[in-house]
Amino acid sequence: MAIFMPMNEYGFCVNISDPRIREKYESFKKRKGLPQHFPISDQERIEFEAEIREKFLEMYPERAEIMFRALNIEKDP
């Protein structure tokens, strides 16, 4: 699975179905005190996606630039 997906009608780009991302998603909800059995709000999702993009950019700067450009994802939401 891919951690990023092409832009969609909702504007989200992080694939929370990917097991590597799902773990971070559940951790994000726990850290924020959000219920584990409900989806997060759109604003919380935007915040989560910004965290993931930032971490990916820190870990793989060259790869991130190419990937974000190809997927039409802004580095800063």
C-alpha atoms as a PDB file:
ATOM      1  CA  MET A   1       0.000   0.000   0.000  1.00  0.00           C
ATOM      2  CA  ALA A   2       1.019   3.581  -0.510  1.00  0.00           C
ATOM      3  CA  ILE A   3       1.125   6.086   2.339  1.00  0.00           C
ATOM      4  CA  PHE A   4       0.000   8.908   0.038  1.00  0.00           C
ATOM      5  CA  MET A   5      -2.868   8.807  -2.407  1.00  0.00           C
ATOM      6  CA  PRO A   6      -3.864  11.149  -5.227  1.00  0.00           C
ATOM      7  CA  MET A   7      -6.048  14.089  -4.348  1.00  0.00           C
ATOM      8  CA  ASN A   8      -9.677  13.173  -3.924  1.00  0.00           C
ATOM      9  CA  GLU A   9     -12.986  14.974  -3.551  1.00  0.00           C
ATOM     10  CA  TYR A  10     -12.313  15.516   0.163  1.00  0.00           C
ATOM     11  CA  GLY A  11      -8.823  16.949  -0.310  1.00  0.00           C
ATOM     12  CA  PHE A  12      -7.099  14.330   1.843  1.00  0.00           C
ATOM     13  CA  CYS A  13      -3.861  12.794   0.620  1.00  0.00           C
ATOM     14  CA  VAL A  14      -2.685  10.468   3.423  1.00  0.00           C
ATOM     15  CA  ASN A  15      -3.902   6.882   3.097  1.00  0.00           C
ATOM     16  CA  ILE A  16      -5.073   5.866   6.577  1.00  0.00           C
ATOM     17  CA  SER A  17      -5.712   2.317   5.318  1.00  0.00           C
ATOM     18  CA  ASP A  18      -1.960   1.763   4.993  1.00  0.00           C
ATOM     19  CA  PRO A  19      -0.832  -0.149   8.114  1.00  0.00           C
ATOM     20  CA  ARG A  20       2.152   2.183   8.656  1.00  0.00           C
ATOM     21  CA  ILE A  21      -0.130   5.216   8.630  1.00  0.00           C
ATOM     22  CA  ARG A  22      -2.961   3.530  10.523  1.00  0.00           C
ATOM     23  CA  GLU A  23      -0.648   3.054  13.500  1.00  0.00           C
ATOM     24  CA  LYS A  24       0.214   6.761  13.484  1.00  0.00           C
ATOM     25  CA  TYR A  25      -3.461   7.673  12.992  1.00  0.00           C
ATOM     26  CA  GLU A  26      -4.521   5.683  16.055  1.00  0.00           C
ATOM     27  CA  SER A  27      -1.637   7.196  18.025  1.00  0.00           C
ATOM     28  CA  PHE A  28      -2.708  10.706  16.943  1.00  0.00           C
ATOM     29  CA  LYS A  29      -6.267  10.056  18.169  1.00  0.00           C
ATOM     30  CA  LYS A  30      -4.992   8.717  21.487  1.00  0.00           C
ATOM     31  CA  ARG A  31      -2.604  11.656  21.951  1.00  0.00           C
ATOM     32  CA  LYS A  32      -5.465  14.110  21.301  1.00  0.00           C
ATOM     33  CA  GLY A  33      -7.865  12.243  23.592  1.00  0.00           C
ATOM     34  CA  LEU A  34     -10.200  11.386  20.717  1.00  0.00           C
ATOM     35  CA  PRO A  35     -12.426   8.294  20.765  1.00  0.00           C
ATOM     36  CA  GLN A  36     -10.740   5.357  19.034  1.00  0.00           C
ATOM     37  CA  HIS A  37     -14.006   4.020  17.597  1.00  0.00           C
ATOM     38  CA  PHE A  38     -15.058   7.224  15.751  1.00  0.00           C
ATOM     39  CA  PRO A  39     -13.488   8.995  12.781  1.00  0.00           C
ATOM     40  CA  ILE A  40     -11.811  12.326  13.412  1.00  0.00           C
ATOM     41  CA  SER A  41     -13.183  15.686  12.245  1.00  0.00           C
ATOM     42  CA  ASP A  42     -12.056  17.282   8.994  1.00  0.00           C
ATOM     43  CA  GLN A  43      -9.957  19.812  10.923  1.00  0.00           C
ATOM     44  CA  GLU A  44      -8.301  17.053  12.944  1.00  0.00           C
ATOM     45  CA  ARG A  45      -7.631  15.121   9.729  1.00  0.00           C
ATOM     46  CA  ILE A  46      -5.952  18.179   8.207  1.00  0.00           C
ATOM     47  CA  GLU A  47      -3.788  18.475  11.338  1.00  0.00           C
ATOM     48  CA  PHE A  48      -2.913  14.761  11.198  1.00  0.00           C
ATOM     49  CA  GLU A  49      -2.018  14.943   7.516  1.00  0.00           C
ATOM     50  CA  ALA A  50       0.204  17.975   8.117  1.00  0.00           C
ATOM     51  CA  GLU A  51       2.101  15.999  10.783  1.00  0.00           C
ATOM     52  CA  ILE A  52       2.600  13.045   8.428  1.00  0.00           C
ATOM     53  CA  ARG A  53       3.773  15.246   5.547  1.00  0.00           C
ATOM     54  CA  GLU A  54       6.189  17.086   7.857  1.00  0.00           C
ATOM     55  CA  LYS A  55       7.684  13.840   9.168  1.00  0.00           C
ATOM     56  CA  PHE A  56       7.990  12.417   5.663  1.00  0.00           C
ATOM     57  CA  LEU A  57       9.650  15.621   4.476  1.00  0.00           C
ATOM     58  CA  GLU A  58      12.133  15.490   7.375  1.00  0.00           C
ATOM     59  CA  MET A  59      13.009  11.845   6.801  1.00  0.00           C
ATOM     60  CA  TYR A  60      13.079  11.816   2.980  1.00  0.00           C
ATOM     61  CA  PRO A  61      13.452  15.402   1.720  1.00  0.00           C
ATOM     62  CA  GLU A  62      14.346  14.649  -1.908  1.00  0.00           C
ATOM     63  CA  ARG A  63      11.798  11.882  -2.261  1.00  0.00           C
ATOM     64  CA  ALA A  64       9.119  14.013  -0.614  1.00  0.00           C
ATOM     65  CA  GLU A  65       9.649  16.915  -3.009  1.00  0.00           C
ATOM     66  CA  ILE A  66       9.244  14.631  -6.026  1.00  0.00           C
ATOM     67  CA  MET A  67       6.282  12.791  -4.555  1.00  0.00           C
ATOM     68  CA  PHE A  68       4.424  15.883  -3.385  1.00  0.00           C
ATOM     69  CA  ARG A  69       4.905  17.530  -6.772  1.00  0.00           C
ATOM     70  CA  ALA A  70       3.677  14.409  -8.624  1.00  0.00           C
ATOM     71  CA  LEU A  71       0.615  14.077  -6.380  1.00  0.00           C
ATOM     72  CA  ASN A  72      -0.043  17.817  -6.387  1.00  0.00           C
ATOM     73  CA  ILE A  73       0.297  18.008  -2.599  1.00  0.00           C
ATOM     74  CA  GLU A  74       1.403  21.238  -0.994  1.00  0.00           C
ATOM     75  CA  LYS A  75       4.152  20.925   1.613  1.00  0.00           C
ATOM     76  CA  ASP A  76       2.296  23.294   3.938  1.00  0.00           C
ATOM     77  CA  PRO A  77      -1.501  22.920   4.007  1.00  0.00           C
END
